[in-house]
Structure formats: C-alpha cells, structure tokens
N, C-alpha and C. Protein backbone atom coordinates (compact mmCIF):
# COMPACT_ATOMS: atom_id res chain seq x y z
N MET A 1 52.18 38.15 67.36
CA MET A 1 52.98 37.39 67.59
C MET A 1 51.98 37.12 69.19
N HIS A 2 50.49 36.66 68.46
CA HIS A 2 49.89 36.31 69.78
C HIS A 2 50.04 34.92 70.82
N ALA A 3 51.02 33.87 70.12
CA ALA A 3 51.55 32.94 70.77
C ALA A 3 52.62 33.21 71.19
N GLY A 4 53.23 34.61 71.47
CA GLY A 4 54.67 34.96 71.99
C GLY A 4 55.68 34.65 71.10
N ILE A 5 56.28 34.09 69.78
CA ILE A 5 56.31 33.95 68.41
C ILE A 5 55.89 34.03 67.64
N ARG A 6 57.37 34.34 66.32
CA ARG A 6 57.16 35.16 65.21
C ARG A 6 55.78 33.75 64.23
N SER A 7 55.39 33.65 63.99
CA SER A 7 54.25 32.57 62.79
C SER A 7 54.22 33.41 61.69
N ARG A 8 54.35 32.45 60.92
CA ARG A 8 53.66 32.58 59.43
C ARG A 8 51.76 31.86 59.18
N LEU A 9 51.10 32.72 59.32
CA LEU A 9 49.50 32.36 59.26
C LEU A 9 49.22 32.25 58.10
N GLU A 10 48.34 31.59 56.96
CA GLU A 10 47.90 31.38 55.95
C GLU A 10 46.61 31.17 55.93
N SER A 11 45.95 32.26 56.50
CA SER A 11 44.42 31.92 56.23
C SER A 11 43.12 33.11 56.41
N VAL A 12 42.38 33.60 55.52
CA VAL A 12 41.64 34.44 55.27
C VAL A 12 41.64 35.77 56.64
N GLN A 13 41.15 34.53 57.64
CA GLN A 13 41.06 35.27 58.88
C GLN A 13 42.07 35.90 59.22
N ASN A 14 43.26 36.07 59.54
CA ASN A 14 44.44 36.41 59.95
C ASN A 14 44.73 37.61 58.45
N ALA A 15 44.41 37.49 57.24
CA ALA A 15 45.01 38.14 55.89
C ALA A 15 43.76 39.51 56.62
N THR A 16 42.34 39.34 56.34
CA THR A 16 41.84 40.27 56.91
C THR A 16 41.56 41.42 58.35
N ASP A 17 42.25 40.26 59.43
CA ASP A 17 42.75 41.20 60.54
C ASP A 17 43.67 41.68 60.48
N GLN A 18 44.55 41.25 60.31
CA GLN A 18 46.11 41.90 58.98
C GLN A 18 46.25 43.38 58.66
N ALA A 19 45.41 43.71 57.51
CA ALA A 19 44.45 44.46 56.84
C ALA A 19 44.09 45.27 57.62
N ARG A 20 43.19 44.93 58.03
CA ARG A 20 42.37 45.83 59.35
C ARG A 20 43.73 47.17 60.19
N HIS A 21 44.23 45.88 61.13
CA HIS A 21 45.48 46.90 61.35
C HIS A 21 46.33 47.36 60.88
N ALA A 22 46.70 47.29 59.71
CA ALA A 22 47.34 48.37 58.72
C ALA A 22 46.21 49.16 58.52
N ALA A 23 45.66 48.79 57.44
CA ALA A 23 44.98 50.43 57.85
C ALA A 23 44.60 51.37 59.01
N HIS A 24 44.16 50.56 60.18
CA HIS A 24 43.92 51.26 62.22
C HIS A 24 45.53 52.29 61.73
N THR A 25 46.94 51.42 62.00
CA THR A 25 48.03 51.98 61.99
C THR A 25 48.08 53.21 61.37
N ILE A 26 48.13 53.45 59.35
CA ILE A 26 48.09 53.97 58.62
C ILE A 26 47.36 55.43 59.14
N LEU A 27 46.47 55.32 60.23
CA LEU A 27 45.58 56.04 60.96
C LEU A 27 45.62 56.69 61.61
N GLY A 28 46.71 56.16 62.46
CA GLY A 28 47.56 56.80 63.54
C GLY A 28 47.34 55.79 65.14
N ARG A 29 46.56 54.87 64.54
CA ARG A 29 46.93 53.92 66.08
C ARG A 29 47.71 52.79 66.07
N THR A 30 48.38 53.52 67.13
CA THR A 30 49.36 52.96 67.48
C THR A 30 49.88 51.21 68.43
N ASP A 31 48.85 50.53 68.45
CA ASP A 31 48.59 49.53 69.28
C ASP A 31 48.89 48.32 69.01
N ASP A 32 49.32 47.06 69.87
CA ASP A 32 50.07 46.02 68.85
C ASP A 32 49.17 44.73 68.33
N TYR A 33 49.23 44.26 67.49
CA TYR A 33 48.76 43.38 66.57
C TYR A 33 48.84 42.49 67.62
N ASP A 34 47.55 42.09 68.33
CA ASP A 34 47.37 40.51 69.63
C ASP A 34 46.39 39.73 68.58
N ASP A 35 45.47 39.69 68.06
CA ASP A 35 44.25 39.32 67.07
C ASP A 35 43.96 37.90 67.54
N LEU A 36 43.37 37.13 67.86
CA LEU A 36 43.57 35.40 68.52
C LEU A 36 43.52 34.47 67.18
N PRO A 37 43.65 33.84 66.50
CA PRO A 37 44.49 33.50 65.25
C PRO A 37 43.33 31.54 65.00
N TRP A 38 42.39 32.31 64.37
CA TRP A 38 41.31 31.26 63.96
C TRP A 38 40.91 30.49 62.99
N PHE A 39 40.66 29.21 63.13
CA PHE A 39 40.75 28.72 61.35
C PHE A 39 39.82 27.32 61.79
N TRP A 40 39.34 27.19 60.28
CA TRP A 40 38.41 26.39 60.75
C TRP A 40 39.13 25.52 58.00
N SER A 41 38.36 23.86 58.56
CA SER A 41 38.35 23.47 57.28
C SER A 41 37.46 22.62 57.40
N GLN A 42 36.58 22.46 56.49
CA GLN A 42 35.53 20.54 56.51
C GLN A 42 36.32 19.89 55.36
N GLN A 43 36.73 18.83 55.78
CA GLN A 43 37.37 17.79 55.66
C GLN A 43 35.86 16.58 55.41
N GLY A 44 35.06 16.38 54.16
CA GLY A 44 34.39 14.97 53.96
C GLY A 44 32.89 15.91 55.61
N PRO A 45 32.88 14.39 56.28
CA PRO A 45 31.83 15.15 57.43
C PRO A 45 32.44 15.59 58.48
N TRP A 46 33.95 16.46 58.34
CA TRP A 46 34.15 16.12 59.92
C TRP A 46 34.76 17.52 59.23
N LYS A 47 34.34 18.33 60.00
CA LYS A 47 34.72 19.99 60.62
C LYS A 47 36.09 20.40 61.42
N LEU A 48 37.39 20.62 61.64
CA LEU A 48 37.89 21.05 62.18
C LEU A 48 37.56 22.71 61.92
N GLN A 49 37.68 22.87 63.53
CA GLN A 49 37.66 24.52 64.13
C GLN A 49 39.61 25.05 64.60
N ILE A 50 40.15 25.41 64.86
CA ILE A 50 40.91 25.28 66.09
C ILE A 50 41.04 26.76 66.03
N ALA A 51 41.16 27.46 68.00
CA ALA A 51 41.32 28.77 67.75
C ALA A 51 42.61 28.81 69.09
N GLY A 52 42.93 29.87 68.69
CA GLY A 52 44.74 30.05 68.77
C GLY A 52 45.59 29.09 68.59
N LEU A 53 47.08 29.15 69.33
CA LEU A 53 48.30 28.54 67.86
C LEU A 53 49.03 27.49 69.22
N HIS A 54 48.36 25.81 69.38
CA HIS A 54 49.74 25.26 70.15
C HIS A 54 50.64 24.80 69.87
N ARG A 55 52.22 25.00 70.61
CA ARG A 55 53.11 24.79 70.41
C ARG A 55 53.78 23.19 71.36
N THR A 56 54.44 22.73 70.62
CA THR A 56 54.71 20.97 71.26
C THR A 56 55.56 21.26 72.45
N GLY A 57 55.10 20.95 73.39
CA GLY A 57 55.27 20.85 75.02
C GLY A 57 54.46 21.23 75.86
N ASP A 58 53.05 22.43 75.13
CA ASP A 58 51.86 22.29 76.20
C ASP A 58 51.22 21.13 76.76
N ASP A 59 50.42 21.36 77.94
CA ASP A 59 49.62 20.18 78.36
C ASP A 59 48.43 20.51 76.78
N THR A 60 47.47 18.63 77.28
CA THR A 60 46.99 18.82 76.64
C THR A 60 45.36 17.82 77.05
N VAL A 61 44.19 18.79 77.26
CA VAL A 61 43.21 17.88 77.80
C VAL A 61 42.46 17.54 76.69
N LEU A 62 41.77 16.18 77.16
CA LEU A 62 40.51 15.84 76.12
C LEU A 62 39.10 16.22 76.53
N ARG A 63 38.51 16.63 75.59
CA ARG A 63 37.01 17.30 76.27
C ARG A 63 36.42 16.62 75.15
N GLY A 64 35.12 15.38 75.44
CA GLY A 64 34.44 14.78 74.57
C GLY A 64 35.02 13.09 73.93
N ASP A 65 34.47 12.97 72.84
CA ASP A 65 34.78 11.24 72.89
C ASP A 65 35.19 10.99 71.29
N PRO A 66 36.22 10.75 71.17
CA PRO A 66 37.28 10.17 69.41
C PRO A 66 36.21 9.82 69.06
N THR A 67 36.12 8.51 69.54
CA THR A 67 35.32 7.25 68.86
C THR A 67 33.46 7.76 68.25
N THR A 68 32.91 9.09 68.79
CA THR A 68 31.77 9.61 69.06
C THR A 68 31.75 10.34 67.31
N GLY A 69 33.63 10.91 66.84
CA GLY A 69 33.88 12.04 66.10
C GLY A 69 33.01 13.82 66.36
N LYS A 70 33.23 13.25 67.73
CA LYS A 70 32.86 14.25 67.92
C LYS A 70 34.12 14.51 69.65
N PHE A 71 35.12 16.33 69.76
CA PHE A 71 36.00 15.96 70.62
C PHE A 71 36.49 17.05 70.48
N SER A 72 37.15 18.44 71.27
CA SER A 72 38.19 18.64 71.12
C SER A 72 39.24 18.54 71.92
N VAL A 73 40.32 19.03 72.31
CA VAL A 73 41.68 19.02 72.40
C VAL A 73 42.25 20.00 73.15
N TYR A 74 41.94 20.83 74.36
CA TYR A 74 42.50 22.40 75.02
C TYR A 74 43.63 22.31 75.62
N CYS A 75 44.32 22.95 75.21
CA CYS A 75 46.07 23.14 75.45
C CYS A 75 46.34 24.06 76.14
N PHE A 76 47.36 24.12 77.37
CA PHE A 76 47.12 24.57 77.84
C PHE A 76 48.99 24.74 77.95
N ARG A 77 49.23 26.18 78.47
CA ARG A 77 50.77 26.65 78.61
C ARG A 77 50.97 26.67 79.56
N ASP A 78 51.68 26.60 80.45
CA ASP A 78 51.56 27.30 81.99
C ASP A 78 50.38 27.65 82.46
N GLY A 79 49.82 26.69 82.23
CA GLY A 79 48.21 26.97 83.77
C GLY A 79 47.41 28.05 82.91
N ALA A 80 47.79 28.51 81.72
CA ALA A 80 46.90 28.96 80.46
C ALA A 80 46.36 28.32 79.65
N LEU A 81 44.90 28.33 79.22
CA LEU A 81 44.19 28.08 78.07
C LEU A 81 45.09 29.03 77.17
N VAL A 82 45.72 29.08 76.31
CA VAL A 82 46.52 28.88 74.60
C VAL A 82 45.93 28.25 73.62
N ALA A 83 44.70 27.73 73.04
CA ALA A 83 44.42 27.01 72.31
C ALA A 83 43.55 25.71 71.54
N VAL A 84 42.53 25.82 71.46
CA VAL A 84 41.46 24.36 71.10
C VAL A 84 40.88 23.91 69.83
N GLU A 85 41.41 22.64 69.69
CA GLU A 85 41.25 21.93 68.40
C GLU A 85 40.14 21.26 68.40
N SER A 86 39.15 21.48 67.75
CA SER A 86 37.69 20.65 67.60
C SER A 86 37.81 20.38 67.10
N ILE A 87 36.83 18.75 67.21
CA ILE A 87 36.21 18.56 65.19
C ILE A 87 34.67 18.05 65.88
N ASN A 88 33.99 18.60 64.57
CA ASN A 88 32.75 18.51 64.92
C ASN A 88 31.92 19.27 65.93
N ARG A 89 32.16 19.78 67.17
CA ARG A 89 31.62 20.43 67.99
C ARG A 89 32.19 22.20 67.89
N PRO A 90 31.51 22.65 67.12
CA PRO A 90 31.44 23.88 66.93
C PRO A 90 30.85 24.95 68.34
N ALA A 91 30.24 24.82 69.41
CA ALA A 91 30.64 25.60 70.26
C ALA A 91 31.89 25.06 71.06
N ASP A 92 31.95 24.09 71.79
CA ASP A 92 33.85 24.22 71.99
C ASP A 92 34.54 25.57 71.66
N HIS A 93 34.50 25.39 69.83
CA HIS A 93 35.32 26.63 68.92
C HIS A 93 34.77 27.96 70.09
N MET A 94 33.83 28.28 69.75
CA MET A 94 33.73 29.81 69.71
C MET A 94 33.50 30.02 71.03
N THR A 95 33.48 28.79 72.42
CA THR A 95 33.61 28.55 73.76
C THR A 95 35.26 29.21 73.51
N ALA A 96 36.01 28.65 73.16
CA ALA A 96 37.73 28.43 73.68
C ALA A 96 37.58 30.35 72.75
N ARG A 97 37.41 30.02 72.14
CA ARG A 97 37.70 31.66 71.66
C ARG A 97 37.64 32.92 72.14
N LYS A 98 36.03 32.78 73.02
CA LYS A 98 35.98 33.66 73.95
C LYS A 98 36.77 33.81 75.42
N LEU A 99 37.20 31.81 75.70
CA LEU A 99 38.01 31.91 76.94
C LEU A 99 39.47 32.79 76.88
N ILE A 100 40.10 32.34 75.46
CA ILE A 100 41.28 33.07 75.27
C ILE A 100 41.08 34.16 75.47
N ASN A 101 40.68 34.96 74.12
CA ASN A 101 40.41 36.70 74.00
C ASN A 101 39.94 36.92 75.61
N GLY A 102 39.38 36.56 76.19
CA GLY A 102 38.99 37.52 77.70
C GLY A 102 40.19 37.08 78.52
N GLN A 103 40.68 36.53 78.45
CA GLN A 103 42.09 35.33 79.82
C GLN A 103 41.25 34.88 80.43
N VAL A 104 40.36 34.51 80.52
CA VAL A 104 39.72 33.73 80.98
C VAL A 104 39.90 32.13 82.50
N PRO A 105 40.33 32.90 82.99
CA PRO A 105 40.83 31.87 84.24
C PRO A 105 40.18 30.30 83.24
N LEU A 106 41.38 28.88 83.35
CA LEU A 106 40.00 27.99 83.42
C LEU A 106 41.46 26.69 83.40
N THR A 107 41.17 25.72 83.91
CA THR A 107 41.88 24.99 85.18
C THR A 107 41.68 23.40 83.93
N PRO A 108 42.42 22.97 83.97
CA PRO A 108 42.94 21.33 83.32
C PRO A 108 41.18 20.44 83.14
N GLU A 109 41.66 20.24 84.90
CA GLU A 109 40.58 19.58 85.36
C GLU A 109 38.93 19.68 84.90
N GLN A 110 38.77 21.65 84.73
CA GLN A 110 37.09 22.14 84.60
C GLN A 110 37.03 21.78 82.58
N ALA A 111 37.99 21.95 82.03
CA ALA A 111 38.23 21.37 80.30
C ALA A 111 37.85 20.38 80.36
N ALA A 112 38.61 18.91 81.75
CA ALA A 112 37.48 18.03 80.66
C ALA A 112 36.90 17.50 81.65
N ASP A 113 36.12 17.85 82.49
CA ASP A 113 34.82 17.82 83.05
C ASP A 113 33.56 17.88 82.55
N PRO A 114 33.06 16.86 81.68
CA PRO A 114 32.23 17.12 80.80
C PRO A 114 30.54 17.85 81.40
N ASN A 115 30.88 17.56 82.83
CA ASN A 115 29.77 18.42 83.18
C ASN A 115 30.07 20.26 83.36
N ALA A 116 31.03 20.73 83.81
CA ALA A 116 31.77 21.88 83.55
C ALA A 116 30.78 22.82 82.52
N ASP A 117 30.12 23.81 82.49
CA ASP A 117 29.56 24.55 81.77
C ASP A 117 30.43 25.89 81.12
N LEU A 118 31.44 25.80 80.75
CA LEU A 118 32.57 26.80 80.05
C LEU A 118 31.79 27.52 78.75
N LYS A 119 30.63 27.55 78.98
CA LYS A 119 29.58 28.25 77.63
C LYS A 119 29.40 29.32 78.90
N THR A 120 29.21 29.48 80.17
CA THR A 120 28.67 30.38 81.34
C THR A 120 30.35 31.08 81.11
N LEU A 121 30.85 30.02 81.67
CA LEU A 121 32.11 30.50 82.44
C LEU A 121 32.85 31.83 80.85
N SER A 122 32.49 31.91 79.52
CA SER A 122 32.82 32.40 78.76
C SER A 122 32.54 34.01 78.97
N ARG A 123 31.15 33.48 78.83
CA ARG A 123 30.19 34.79 79.41
C ARG A 123 31.13 35.49 80.18
N SER A 124 31.31 35.70 81.44
CA SER A 124 32.11 36.77 82.37
C SER A 124 33.46 36.60 81.65
N ALA A 125 33.51 36.84 79.90
CA ALA A 125 35.43 37.40 79.62
C ALA A 125 34.55 38.53 79.16
N GLY A 126 33.04 38.58 78.69
CA GLY A 126 32.80 40.16 77.54
C GLY A 126 33.76 40.32 76.66
N VAL A 127 33.70 39.26 75.86
CA VAL A 127 34.29 39.56 74.99
C VAL A 127 33.42 39.37 73.69
N ALA A 128 32.86 39.36 73.00
CA ALA A 128 31.46 39.28 71.93
C ALA A 128 31.60 37.93 71.18
C-alpha cells in the first residue's frame, strides 16, 4: 500500500519485490511491504518510466519540454513528491526513485526549475 490505497500492480518489479517480501515474512521478519513501485516501457522511440503512483487530484509540475520528446511530470500530494512520470529522461526517473524512497523534501518550484540540481538533492537521501 505504498500510495495509501490498495492497488493491483502488474509488473515484473512488483512481483519480484513481493516474492522477496513473502520469503522474508516466512523467515520471521514482520515489516510491512512498502517498496516504491516503478515501471518502464519502450514504445518505439519513446522510453516511458514511472516511479511511484499518481492519483487523480495530485498536483503536477512539468520539467523538460514535451516538444523535444524529453520531459517528466512530477506529481505532488499534500506538498510531498509521490510520483514522477518520464518520457526519454532516465536520469529524472532514477533521481525520482531516490527522492521518493528517501522522502527528501522537494517543492513544486524546485521540480519545475530546469536549473535545480535534483540529482545532488537526491544524494542526501542516502538511498542506493
């Protein structure tokens, strides 16, 4: 329930993570499953990557330029970054995973600022 709601996620990453969690549970660990869901798909020249789960009503911020075919949509809920959906911007995807997993504060203004160094900010998360 990473996004605070029950959801069905049909992806290899989710299946692998849940299997690993089930094995840990069988071995006696009792922590909740809260791995960040992420996805990717290659559609011709378009590489779509998603980290986190976007819900209707989330605030969104565009980073990049859709006319170039390289952009990301940063999704905020209650002021916190919850998801990033990227087209042909793999660095945004990797950075987003670190920011969301590490719960690093990011403002919509920072996300929209093309000069903001989000990669350096993500390093403060301490998440591999």
